[in-house]
Amino acid sequence: MAKNAIVGQSGGPTSVINASLAGVYESCKRRGAGKVYGMLHGVAGLLETWPELPVYIHKADAVDGAGGELRFPRLGEKNQRYYQEGDKLTLGGLTLDVLETPGHSQGSVCLLVEGQNVIFAGDTLFRCSCGRCDFPGGDYRAMLRSLARLGRLEGQYTVYPGHDSATDMDYERKYNPYMKQGMNA
């Protein structure tokens, strides 16, 4: 089973973010990654290393206090950034368009890479599946609407989900039972 990660190099050793599956950490370290950050505790480690780093989240998923399942504690003003539908984020030479895709959580988003036909789908869309909706803030009907929205995007896209293997939009339109259910609602 594959695990997607964000890999970056900014004037120092390569860093890997979201390396939470067993074996990924060790594999990345053997290949020379200077820092490896897991999904649950990665933000704290990142901010330890880069205290000025901006951290993006949808407001619906940020809470005051300790947070909880799929709700994350707000950070200080120096680091916390919010994105919403229609925002454009710049990451190196890439421009990412923010699409709100609630269902897994109220603040779930997908990021479309402009000019690349690539979608980072988080926990909205997986190969022949979708993210869980049974956590607090999850909503199955909202998930079906989000999947229908993605399915109706024009063109073919490579989809990188938050877990498991990459897929493509044509395959999902044809075989994903959840996307098909949403598109037929």
N, C-alpha and C. Protein backbone atom coordinates (compact mmCIF):
# COMPACT_ATOMS: atom_id res chain seq x y z
N MET A 1 0.85 -1.17 0.00
CA MET A 1 0.00 0.00 0.00
C MET A 1 0.89 1.24 0.00
N ALA A 2 0.64 2.16 -0.87
CA ALA A 2 1.44 3.37 -0.98
C ALA A 2 0.94 4.43 -0.02
N LYS A 3 1.77 5.36 0.33
CA LYS A 3 1.40 6.49 1.19
C LYS A 3 1.93 7.75 0.56
N ASN A 4 1.07 8.71 0.35
CA ASN A 4 1.50 9.97 -0.23
C ASN A 4 2.14 10.83 0.84
N ALA A 5 3.04 11.67 0.42
CA ALA A 5 3.74 12.56 1.34
C ALA A 5 4.09 13.83 0.59
N ILE A 6 4.32 14.86 1.33
CA ILE A 6 4.83 16.10 0.76
C ILE A 6 6.32 16.11 1.06
N VAL A 7 7.11 16.25 0.06
CA VAL A 7 8.56 16.24 0.22
C VAL A 7 9.08 17.60 -0.20
N GLY A 8 9.87 18.21 0.67
CA GLY A 8 10.37 19.53 0.33
C GLY A 8 11.82 19.68 0.70
N GLN A 9 12.50 20.56 0.00
CA GLN A 9 13.88 20.87 0.31
C GLN A 9 14.03 22.37 0.18
N SER A 10 14.34 23.00 1.29
CA SER A 10 14.43 24.45 1.30
C SER A 10 15.73 24.86 2.00
N GLY A 11 16.79 24.85 1.26
CA GLY A 11 18.06 25.29 1.81
C GLY A 11 18.63 24.35 2.85
N GLY A 12 18.19 23.11 2.86
CA GLY A 12 18.69 22.17 3.84
C GLY A 12 18.30 20.76 3.46
N PRO A 13 18.36 19.85 4.42
CA PRO A 13 18.03 18.46 4.12
C PRO A 13 16.56 18.32 3.70
N THR A 14 16.28 17.30 2.92
CA THR A 14 14.91 17.03 2.50
C THR A 14 14.05 16.71 3.72
N SER A 15 12.81 17.16 3.69
CA SER A 15 11.86 16.87 4.74
C SER A 15 10.66 16.15 4.13
N VAL A 16 10.10 15.22 4.88
CA VAL A 16 8.94 14.46 4.43
C VAL A 16 7.82 14.68 5.44
N ILE A 17 6.68 15.11 4.93
CA ILE A 17 5.54 15.39 5.79
C ILE A 17 4.47 14.33 5.55
N ASN A 18 3.83 13.87 6.61
CA ASN A 18 2.74 12.91 6.55
C ASN A 18 3.26 11.52 6.21
N ALA A 19 4.29 11.10 6.91
CA ALA A 19 4.86 9.77 6.71
C ALA A 19 4.43 8.89 7.87
N SER A 20 3.14 8.57 7.96
CA SER A 20 2.63 7.92 9.15
C SER A 20 2.51 6.40 9.06
N LEU A 21 2.62 5.80 7.89
CA LEU A 21 2.53 4.34 7.83
C LEU A 21 3.84 3.70 8.27
N ALA A 22 3.71 2.54 8.88
CA ALA A 22 4.90 1.81 9.32
C ALA A 22 5.83 1.61 8.13
N GLY A 23 7.10 1.82 8.35
CA GLY A 23 8.08 1.60 7.30
C GLY A 23 8.41 2.84 6.50
N VAL A 24 7.48 3.79 6.39
CA VAL A 24 7.74 4.99 5.60
C VAL A 24 8.84 5.81 6.27
N TYR A 25 8.75 5.97 7.59
CA TYR A 25 9.74 6.75 8.31
C TYR A 25 11.14 6.17 8.09
N GLU A 26 11.28 4.87 8.31
CA GLU A 26 12.58 4.24 8.18
C GLU A 26 13.10 4.34 6.74
N SER A 27 12.22 4.11 5.78
CA SER A 27 12.61 4.19 4.37
C SER A 27 13.10 5.59 4.01
N CYS A 28 12.40 6.60 4.48
CA CYS A 28 12.79 7.99 4.18
C CYS A 28 14.13 8.32 4.84
N LYS A 29 14.33 7.88 6.07
CA LYS A 29 15.59 8.15 6.75
C LYS A 29 16.75 7.47 6.02
N ARG A 30 16.55 6.21 5.57
CA ARG A 30 17.61 5.50 4.84
C ARG A 30 17.97 6.23 3.56
N ARG A 31 17.00 6.90 2.96
CA ARG A 31 17.24 7.61 1.71
C ARG A 31 17.78 9.02 1.93
N GLY A 32 18.02 9.38 3.19
CA GLY A 32 18.68 10.64 3.47
C GLY A 32 17.78 11.79 3.88
N ALA A 33 16.51 11.53 4.17
CA ALA A 33 15.64 12.62 4.61
C ALA A 33 16.13 13.12 5.96
N GLY A 34 16.29 14.43 6.08
CA GLY A 34 16.75 15.01 7.32
C GLY A 34 15.69 15.03 8.39
N LYS A 35 14.45 15.25 8.01
CA LYS A 35 13.34 15.31 8.95
C LYS A 35 12.18 14.52 8.36
N VAL A 36 11.48 13.78 9.20
CA VAL A 36 10.29 13.05 8.77
C VAL A 36 9.20 13.34 9.78
N TYR A 37 8.05 13.81 9.30
CA TYR A 37 6.96 14.24 10.18
C TYR A 37 5.73 13.39 9.93
N GLY A 38 5.16 12.85 10.99
CA GLY A 38 3.95 12.05 10.88
C GLY A 38 2.71 12.91 10.82
N MET A 39 1.59 12.27 10.46
CA MET A 39 0.34 12.98 10.27
C MET A 39 -0.15 13.62 11.57
N LEU A 40 -0.06 12.91 12.69
CA LEU A 40 -0.65 13.42 13.92
C LEU A 40 0.20 14.47 14.62
N HIS A 41 1.50 14.32 14.60
CA HIS A 41 2.37 15.22 15.35
C HIS A 41 3.29 16.03 14.46
N GLY A 42 3.04 16.02 13.17
CA GLY A 42 3.92 16.67 12.22
C GLY A 42 3.99 18.16 12.36
N VAL A 43 2.88 18.81 12.66
CA VAL A 43 2.88 20.28 12.73
C VAL A 43 3.80 20.76 13.84
N ALA A 44 3.74 20.13 15.00
CA ALA A 44 4.61 20.55 16.10
C ALA A 44 6.08 20.41 15.71
N GLY A 45 6.43 19.30 15.07
CA GLY A 45 7.81 19.09 14.64
C GLY A 45 8.24 20.08 13.59
N LEU A 46 7.34 20.38 12.67
CA LEU A 46 7.65 21.38 11.64
C LEU A 46 7.91 22.74 12.27
N LEU A 47 7.07 23.13 13.21
CA LEU A 47 7.22 24.45 13.82
C LEU A 47 8.45 24.53 14.72
N GLU A 48 8.87 23.40 15.27
CA GLU A 48 10.12 23.36 16.02
C GLU A 48 11.30 23.70 15.11
N THR A 49 11.26 23.11 13.91
CA THR A 49 12.35 23.30 12.96
C THR A 49 12.25 24.64 12.24
N TRP A 50 11.03 25.02 11.83
CA TRP A 50 10.80 26.26 11.10
C TRP A 50 9.72 27.07 11.82
N PRO A 51 10.08 27.85 12.84
CA PRO A 51 9.08 28.55 13.66
C PRO A 51 8.24 29.58 12.91
N GLU A 52 8.68 30.02 11.74
CA GLU A 52 7.91 31.02 10.98
C GLU A 52 6.98 30.38 9.94
N LEU A 53 6.95 29.06 9.87
CA LEU A 53 6.20 28.34 8.84
C LEU A 53 4.71 28.63 8.93
N PRO A 54 4.08 29.04 7.81
CA PRO A 54 2.61 29.17 7.82
C PRO A 54 1.96 27.79 7.72
N VAL A 55 0.88 27.59 8.45
CA VAL A 55 0.14 26.33 8.45
C VAL A 55 -1.29 26.62 8.02
N TYR A 56 -1.74 25.96 6.96
CA TYR A 56 -3.06 26.21 6.38
C TYR A 56 -4.07 25.16 6.82
N ILE A 57 -5.28 25.63 7.10
CA ILE A 57 -6.40 24.76 7.46
C ILE A 57 -7.69 25.52 7.15
N HIS A 58 -8.76 24.81 6.95
CA HIS A 58 -10.06 25.45 6.79
C HIS A 58 -10.58 25.81 8.19
N LYS A 59 -11.20 26.97 8.33
CA LYS A 59 -11.68 27.42 9.64
C LYS A 59 -12.61 26.41 10.31
N ALA A 60 -13.38 25.66 9.53
CA ALA A 60 -14.33 24.71 10.09
C ALA A 60 -13.64 23.55 10.82
N ASP A 61 -12.36 23.33 10.56
CA ASP A 61 -11.64 22.24 11.21
C ASP A 61 -10.68 22.71 12.29
N ALA A 62 -10.66 24.00 12.59
CA ALA A 62 -9.78 24.54 13.63
C ALA A 62 -10.62 24.92 14.84
N VAL A 63 -10.15 24.56 16.02
CA VAL A 63 -10.89 24.85 17.24
C VAL A 63 -9.96 25.47 18.29
N ASP A 64 -10.56 26.18 19.22
CA ASP A 64 -9.81 26.66 20.38
C ASP A 64 -9.69 25.49 21.34
N GLY A 65 -8.56 25.36 21.99
CA GLY A 65 -8.37 24.28 22.94
C GLY A 65 -7.61 23.11 22.33
N ALA A 66 -7.87 21.93 22.89
CA ALA A 66 -7.07 20.75 22.56
C ALA A 66 -7.43 20.10 21.23
N GLY A 67 -8.55 20.41 20.68
CA GLY A 67 -8.94 19.74 19.43
C GLY A 67 -9.53 18.39 19.71
N GLY A 68 -9.46 17.51 18.75
CA GLY A 68 -10.03 16.17 18.89
C GLY A 68 -10.06 15.52 17.53
N GLU A 69 -10.91 14.51 17.39
CA GLU A 69 -10.98 13.79 16.12
C GLU A 69 -11.31 14.74 14.98
N LEU A 70 -10.40 14.89 14.06
CA LEU A 70 -10.54 15.71 12.86
C LEU A 70 -10.80 17.18 13.15
N ARG A 71 -10.52 17.61 14.36
CA ARG A 71 -10.58 19.04 14.71
C ARG A 71 -9.22 19.35 15.30
N PHE A 72 -8.60 20.41 14.83
CA PHE A 72 -7.22 20.68 15.19
C PHE A 72 -7.12 22.00 15.93
N PRO A 73 -6.26 22.05 16.96
CA PRO A 73 -6.14 23.29 17.73
C PRO A 73 -5.58 24.43 16.88
N ARG A 74 -6.17 25.61 17.08
CA ARG A 74 -5.66 26.79 16.37
C ARG A 74 -4.24 27.07 16.83
N LEU A 75 -3.47 27.59 15.91
CA LEU A 75 -2.10 27.99 16.21
C LEU A 75 -2.08 29.48 16.44
N GLY A 76 -0.95 29.99 16.82
CA GLY A 76 -0.81 31.43 16.99
C GLY A 76 -0.92 32.17 15.67
N GLU A 77 -1.16 33.46 15.75
CA GLU A 77 -1.33 34.30 14.55
C GLU A 77 -0.13 34.25 13.63
N LYS A 78 1.06 34.03 14.20
CA LYS A 78 2.28 33.98 13.39
C LYS A 78 2.23 32.83 12.38
N ASN A 79 1.57 31.71 12.73
CA ASN A 79 1.59 30.52 11.88
C ASN A 79 0.26 30.20 11.20
N GLN A 80 -0.85 30.48 11.87
CA GLN A 80 -2.13 30.01 11.36
C GLN A 80 -2.59 30.78 10.13
N ARG A 81 -2.94 30.04 9.10
CA ARG A 81 -3.53 30.61 7.89
C ARG A 81 -4.78 29.79 7.57
N TYR A 82 -5.76 30.45 7.01
CA TYR A 82 -7.00 29.77 6.65
C TYR A 82 -7.19 29.84 5.15
N TYR A 83 -7.73 28.78 4.59
CA TYR A 83 -8.12 28.81 3.18
C TYR A 83 -9.59 28.46 3.07
N GLN A 84 -10.14 28.88 1.96
CA GLN A 84 -11.55 28.60 1.70
C GLN A 84 -11.76 28.48 0.20
N GLU A 85 -12.96 28.12 -0.18
CA GLU A 85 -13.33 27.95 -1.58
C GLU A 85 -12.86 29.14 -2.41
N GLY A 86 -12.19 28.83 -3.52
CA GLY A 86 -11.77 29.87 -4.46
C GLY A 86 -10.40 30.47 -4.19
N ASP A 87 -9.83 30.19 -3.01
CA ASP A 87 -8.49 30.71 -2.74
C ASP A 87 -7.47 30.05 -3.65
N LYS A 88 -6.39 30.76 -3.91
CA LYS A 88 -5.26 30.25 -4.67
C LYS A 88 -4.03 30.32 -3.78
N LEU A 89 -3.36 29.20 -3.63
CA LEU A 89 -2.16 29.12 -2.82
C LEU A 89 -0.97 28.92 -3.75
N THR A 90 0.15 29.54 -3.43
CA THR A 90 1.36 29.38 -4.21
C THR A 90 2.33 28.51 -3.41
N LEU A 91 2.81 27.46 -4.05
CA LEU A 91 3.76 26.55 -3.44
C LEU A 91 4.88 26.35 -4.44
N GLY A 92 6.00 27.04 -4.21
CA GLY A 92 7.07 27.03 -5.20
C GLY A 92 6.54 27.61 -6.50
N GLY A 93 6.68 26.88 -7.60
CA GLY A 93 6.17 27.32 -8.89
C GLY A 93 4.76 26.85 -9.19
N LEU A 94 4.08 26.26 -8.19
CA LEU A 94 2.73 25.73 -8.40
C LEU A 94 1.69 26.67 -7.83
N THR A 95 0.53 26.71 -8.49
CA THR A 95 -0.63 27.40 -7.95
C THR A 95 -1.68 26.35 -7.66
N LEU A 96 -2.18 26.34 -6.41
CA LEU A 96 -3.18 25.38 -5.97
C LEU A 96 -4.51 26.10 -5.78
N ASP A 97 -5.56 25.60 -6.43
CA ASP A 97 -6.91 26.13 -6.26
C ASP A 97 -7.61 25.33 -5.17
N VAL A 98 -8.23 26.03 -4.22
CA VAL A 98 -8.91 25.38 -3.11
C VAL A 98 -10.37 25.12 -3.48
N LEU A 99 -10.77 23.85 -3.35
CA LEU A 99 -12.17 23.45 -3.53
C LEU A 99 -12.66 22.89 -2.20
N GLU A 100 -13.71 23.46 -1.64
CA GLU A 100 -14.28 22.91 -0.42
C GLU A 100 -15.03 21.62 -0.77
N THR A 101 -14.69 20.54 -0.06
CA THR A 101 -15.31 19.23 -0.31
C THR A 101 -15.68 18.60 1.03
N PRO A 102 -16.65 19.17 1.74
CA PRO A 102 -17.03 18.63 3.05
C PRO A 102 -17.59 17.22 2.93
N GLY A 103 -17.54 16.53 4.04
CA GLY A 103 -18.04 15.17 4.13
C GLY A 103 -17.24 14.39 5.15
N HIS A 104 -15.94 14.23 4.89
CA HIS A 104 -15.06 13.58 5.86
C HIS A 104 -14.99 14.44 7.12
N SER A 105 -14.87 15.73 6.93
CA SER A 105 -14.97 16.73 7.99
C SER A 105 -15.65 17.94 7.38
N GLN A 106 -16.07 18.87 8.23
CA GLN A 106 -16.74 20.07 7.72
C GLN A 106 -15.79 20.92 6.90
N GLY A 107 -14.51 20.87 7.20
CA GLY A 107 -13.55 21.72 6.51
C GLY A 107 -12.70 21.00 5.47
N SER A 108 -13.10 19.82 5.05
CA SER A 108 -12.33 19.09 4.04
C SER A 108 -12.21 19.91 2.76
N VAL A 109 -11.04 19.86 2.15
CA VAL A 109 -10.81 20.53 0.87
C VAL A 109 -10.02 19.61 -0.04
N CYS A 110 -10.11 19.89 -1.34
CA CYS A 110 -9.23 19.31 -2.34
C CYS A 110 -8.45 20.45 -2.95
N LEU A 111 -7.22 20.18 -3.34
CA LEU A 111 -6.36 21.19 -3.96
C LEU A 111 -6.09 20.78 -5.40
N LEU A 112 -6.49 21.63 -6.34
CA LEU A 112 -6.26 21.39 -7.76
C LEU A 112 -5.02 22.16 -8.18
N VAL A 113 -4.08 21.48 -8.80
CA VAL A 113 -2.85 22.12 -9.26
C VAL A 113 -3.12 22.70 -10.64
N GLU A 114 -3.07 24.02 -10.74
CA GLU A 114 -3.36 24.68 -12.01
C GLU A 114 -2.39 24.24 -13.10
N GLY A 115 -2.95 23.94 -14.27
CA GLY A 115 -2.14 23.59 -15.43
C GLY A 115 -1.52 22.21 -15.39
N GLN A 116 -1.79 21.43 -14.35
CA GLN A 116 -1.16 20.11 -14.20
C GLN A 116 -2.16 18.96 -14.27
N ASN A 117 -3.46 19.24 -14.22
CA ASN A 117 -4.49 18.19 -14.15
C ASN A 117 -4.21 17.22 -13.01
N VAL A 118 -3.93 17.79 -11.85
CA VAL A 118 -3.64 17.02 -10.64
C VAL A 118 -4.54 17.54 -9.52
N ILE A 119 -5.05 16.59 -8.73
CA ILE A 119 -5.85 16.92 -7.55
C ILE A 119 -5.23 16.24 -6.34
N PHE A 120 -4.97 17.01 -5.29
CA PHE A 120 -4.64 16.44 -3.98
C PHE A 120 -5.96 16.37 -3.23
N ALA A 121 -6.45 15.13 -3.03
CA ALA A 121 -7.83 14.94 -2.57
C ALA A 121 -7.97 14.75 -1.07
N GLY A 122 -6.88 14.74 -0.33
CA GLY A 122 -7.00 14.54 1.11
C GLY A 122 -7.79 13.28 1.41
N ASP A 123 -8.76 13.39 2.31
CA ASP A 123 -9.59 12.24 2.66
C ASP A 123 -10.98 12.34 2.04
N THR A 124 -11.10 13.05 0.92
CA THR A 124 -12.38 13.09 0.22
C THR A 124 -12.51 11.91 -0.73
N LEU A 125 -11.52 11.71 -1.59
CA LEU A 125 -11.61 10.69 -2.64
C LEU A 125 -10.42 9.75 -2.57
N PHE A 126 -10.73 8.45 -2.51
CA PHE A 126 -9.73 7.39 -2.60
C PHE A 126 -10.05 6.52 -3.81
N ARG A 127 -9.14 5.66 -4.17
CA ARG A 127 -9.38 4.73 -5.28
C ARG A 127 -10.57 3.84 -4.92
N CYS A 128 -11.66 3.98 -5.67
CA CYS A 128 -12.90 3.21 -5.49
C CYS A 128 -13.51 3.37 -4.10
N SER A 129 -13.22 4.48 -3.44
CA SER A 129 -13.76 4.69 -2.10
C SER A 129 -13.77 6.18 -1.77
N CYS A 130 -14.06 6.47 -0.51
CA CYS A 130 -14.03 7.86 -0.03
C CYS A 130 -13.67 7.84 1.44
N GLY A 131 -13.45 9.01 1.99
CA GLY A 131 -13.10 9.12 3.41
C GLY A 131 -14.26 8.77 4.31
N ARG A 132 -13.92 8.39 5.54
CA ARG A 132 -14.94 8.07 6.54
C ARG A 132 -15.77 9.30 6.85
N CYS A 133 -17.02 9.07 7.17
CA CYS A 133 -17.94 10.16 7.51
C CYS A 133 -18.52 9.99 8.91
N ASP A 134 -17.98 9.06 9.69
CA ASP A 134 -18.54 8.76 11.00
C ASP A 134 -17.85 9.50 12.15
N PHE A 135 -16.91 10.36 11.84
CA PHE A 135 -16.29 11.19 12.87
C PHE A 135 -17.19 12.39 13.16
N PRO A 136 -17.00 13.04 14.33
CA PRO A 136 -17.75 14.27 14.57
C PRO A 136 -17.51 15.27 13.44
N GLY A 137 -18.57 15.83 12.89
CA GLY A 137 -18.46 16.77 11.78
C GLY A 137 -18.54 16.10 10.42
N GLY A 138 -18.47 14.77 10.36
CA GLY A 138 -18.61 14.05 9.11
C GLY A 138 -20.07 14.03 8.67
N ASP A 139 -20.28 13.95 7.36
CA ASP A 139 -21.65 14.00 6.83
C ASP A 139 -21.67 13.24 5.51
N TYR A 140 -22.32 12.08 5.50
CA TYR A 140 -22.32 11.23 4.32
C TYR A 140 -22.97 11.93 3.12
N ARG A 141 -24.09 12.62 3.32
CA ARG A 141 -24.75 13.30 2.20
C ARG A 141 -23.85 14.40 1.63
N ALA A 142 -23.16 15.12 2.51
CA ALA A 142 -22.21 16.14 2.04
C ALA A 142 -21.07 15.49 1.26
N MET A 143 -20.62 14.31 1.72
CA MET A 143 -19.56 13.59 1.01
C MET A 143 -20.02 13.23 -0.40
N LEU A 144 -21.25 12.73 -0.52
CA LEU A 144 -21.75 12.37 -1.85
C LEU A 144 -21.82 13.60 -2.76
N ARG A 145 -22.23 14.74 -2.22
CA ARG A 145 -22.26 15.97 -3.02
C ARG A 145 -20.84 16.38 -3.44
N SER A 146 -19.88 16.24 -2.54
CA SER A 146 -18.48 16.58 -2.86
C SER A 146 -17.93 15.65 -3.94
N LEU A 147 -18.21 14.36 -3.82
CA LEU A 147 -17.74 13.41 -4.82
C LEU A 147 -18.38 13.69 -6.18
N ALA A 148 -19.67 14.04 -6.18
CA ALA A 148 -20.35 14.39 -7.43
C ALA A 148 -19.70 15.63 -8.04
N ARG A 149 -19.36 16.59 -7.21
CA ARG A 149 -18.70 17.80 -7.70
C ARG A 149 -17.38 17.45 -8.38
N LEU A 150 -16.58 16.61 -7.72
CA LEU A 150 -15.30 16.21 -8.32
C LEU A 150 -15.53 15.43 -9.61
N GLY A 151 -16.51 14.55 -9.60
CA GLY A 151 -16.79 13.75 -10.78
C GLY A 151 -17.24 14.58 -11.97
N ARG A 152 -17.80 15.74 -11.70
CA ARG A 152 -18.29 16.60 -12.78
C ARG A 152 -17.25 17.59 -13.29
N LEU A 153 -16.05 17.57 -12.69
CA LEU A 153 -14.99 18.42 -13.22
C LEU A 153 -14.69 17.98 -14.64
N GLU A 154 -14.51 18.92 -15.52
CA GLU A 154 -14.20 18.57 -16.91
C GLU A 154 -12.76 18.10 -17.03
N GLY A 155 -12.57 17.06 -17.81
CA GLY A 155 -11.23 16.59 -18.10
C GLY A 155 -10.79 15.45 -17.22
N GLN A 156 -9.60 14.99 -17.49
CA GLN A 156 -8.98 13.88 -16.78
C GLN A 156 -7.99 14.46 -15.77
N TYR A 157 -7.97 13.93 -14.57
CA TYR A 157 -7.07 14.37 -13.51
C TYR A 157 -6.38 13.16 -12.90
N THR A 158 -5.13 13.33 -12.50
CA THR A 158 -4.48 12.37 -11.62
C THR A 158 -4.87 12.79 -10.21
N VAL A 159 -5.29 11.82 -9.40
CA VAL A 159 -5.77 12.10 -8.05
C VAL A 159 -4.80 11.48 -7.05
N TYR A 160 -4.28 12.32 -6.15
CA TYR A 160 -3.42 11.86 -5.07
C TYR A 160 -4.20 11.98 -3.77
N PRO A 161 -4.74 10.86 -3.27
CA PRO A 161 -5.49 10.90 -2.01
C PRO A 161 -4.55 11.01 -0.81
N GLY A 162 -5.13 11.27 0.34
CA GLY A 162 -4.34 11.37 1.56
C GLY A 162 -3.80 10.03 2.03
N HIS A 163 -4.37 8.94 1.54
CA HIS A 163 -3.92 7.59 1.89
C HIS A 163 -4.00 6.73 0.63
N ASP A 164 -3.23 5.70 0.61
CA ASP A 164 -3.27 4.69 -0.44
C ASP A 164 -2.73 5.20 -1.77
N SER A 165 -3.06 4.49 -2.83
CA SER A 165 -2.47 4.73 -4.15
C SER A 165 -3.14 5.85 -4.91
N ALA A 166 -2.39 6.43 -5.82
CA ALA A 166 -2.94 7.43 -6.73
C ALA A 166 -3.95 6.75 -7.65
N THR A 167 -4.84 7.54 -8.20
CA THR A 167 -5.83 7.05 -9.13
C THR A 167 -6.05 8.14 -10.17
N ASP A 168 -7.05 7.97 -11.02
CA ASP A 168 -7.37 9.05 -11.95
C ASP A 168 -8.88 9.23 -12.01
N MET A 169 -9.29 10.40 -12.41
CA MET A 169 -10.69 10.77 -12.35
C MET A 169 -11.56 9.91 -13.28
N ASP A 170 -11.08 9.57 -14.47
CA ASP A 170 -11.88 8.73 -15.36
C ASP A 170 -12.16 7.37 -14.73
N TYR A 171 -11.16 6.79 -14.10
CA TYR A 171 -11.35 5.51 -13.42
C TYR A 171 -12.39 5.64 -12.31
N GLU A 172 -12.28 6.70 -11.52
CA GLU A 172 -13.22 6.89 -10.41
C GLU A 172 -14.64 7.14 -10.91
N ARG A 173 -14.78 7.92 -11.97
CA ARG A 173 -16.12 8.14 -12.54
C ARG A 173 -16.76 6.82 -12.96
N LYS A 174 -15.95 5.89 -13.44
CA LYS A 174 -16.46 4.63 -13.96
C LYS A 174 -16.68 3.58 -12.86
N TYR A 175 -15.78 3.51 -11.87
CA TYR A 175 -15.79 2.40 -10.93
C TYR A 175 -16.07 2.74 -9.47
N ASN A 176 -15.95 3.99 -9.06
CA ASN A 176 -16.12 4.33 -7.65
C ASN A 176 -17.61 4.35 -7.29
N PRO A 177 -18.08 3.41 -6.46
CA PRO A 177 -19.51 3.35 -6.17
C PRO A 177 -20.03 4.59 -5.45
N TYR A 178 -19.20 5.22 -4.64
CA TYR A 178 -19.63 6.41 -3.90
C TYR A 178 -19.75 7.62 -4.84
N MET A 179 -18.79 7.76 -5.73
CA MET A 179 -18.87 8.86 -6.71
C MET A 179 -20.08 8.65 -7.62
N LYS A 180 -20.28 7.43 -8.06
CA LYS A 180 -21.43 7.14 -8.94
C LYS A 180 -22.75 7.43 -8.21
N GLN A 181 -22.82 7.06 -6.95
CA GLN A 181 -24.03 7.33 -6.16
C GLN A 181 -24.26 8.83 -6.05
N GLY A 182 -23.21 9.58 -5.78
CA GLY A 182 -23.33 11.04 -5.68
C GLY A 182 -23.74 11.67 -6.99
N MET A 183 -23.16 11.20 -8.08
CA MET A 183 -23.46 11.79 -9.39
C MET A 183 -24.86 11.43 -9.88
N ASN A 184 -25.42 10.33 -9.35
CA ASN A 184 -26.76 9.92 -9.76
C ASN A 184 -27.85 10.41 -8.81
N ALA A 185 -27.46 11.12 -7.77
CA ALA A 185 -28.46 11.61 -6.79
C ALA A 185 -29.25 12.78 -7.35
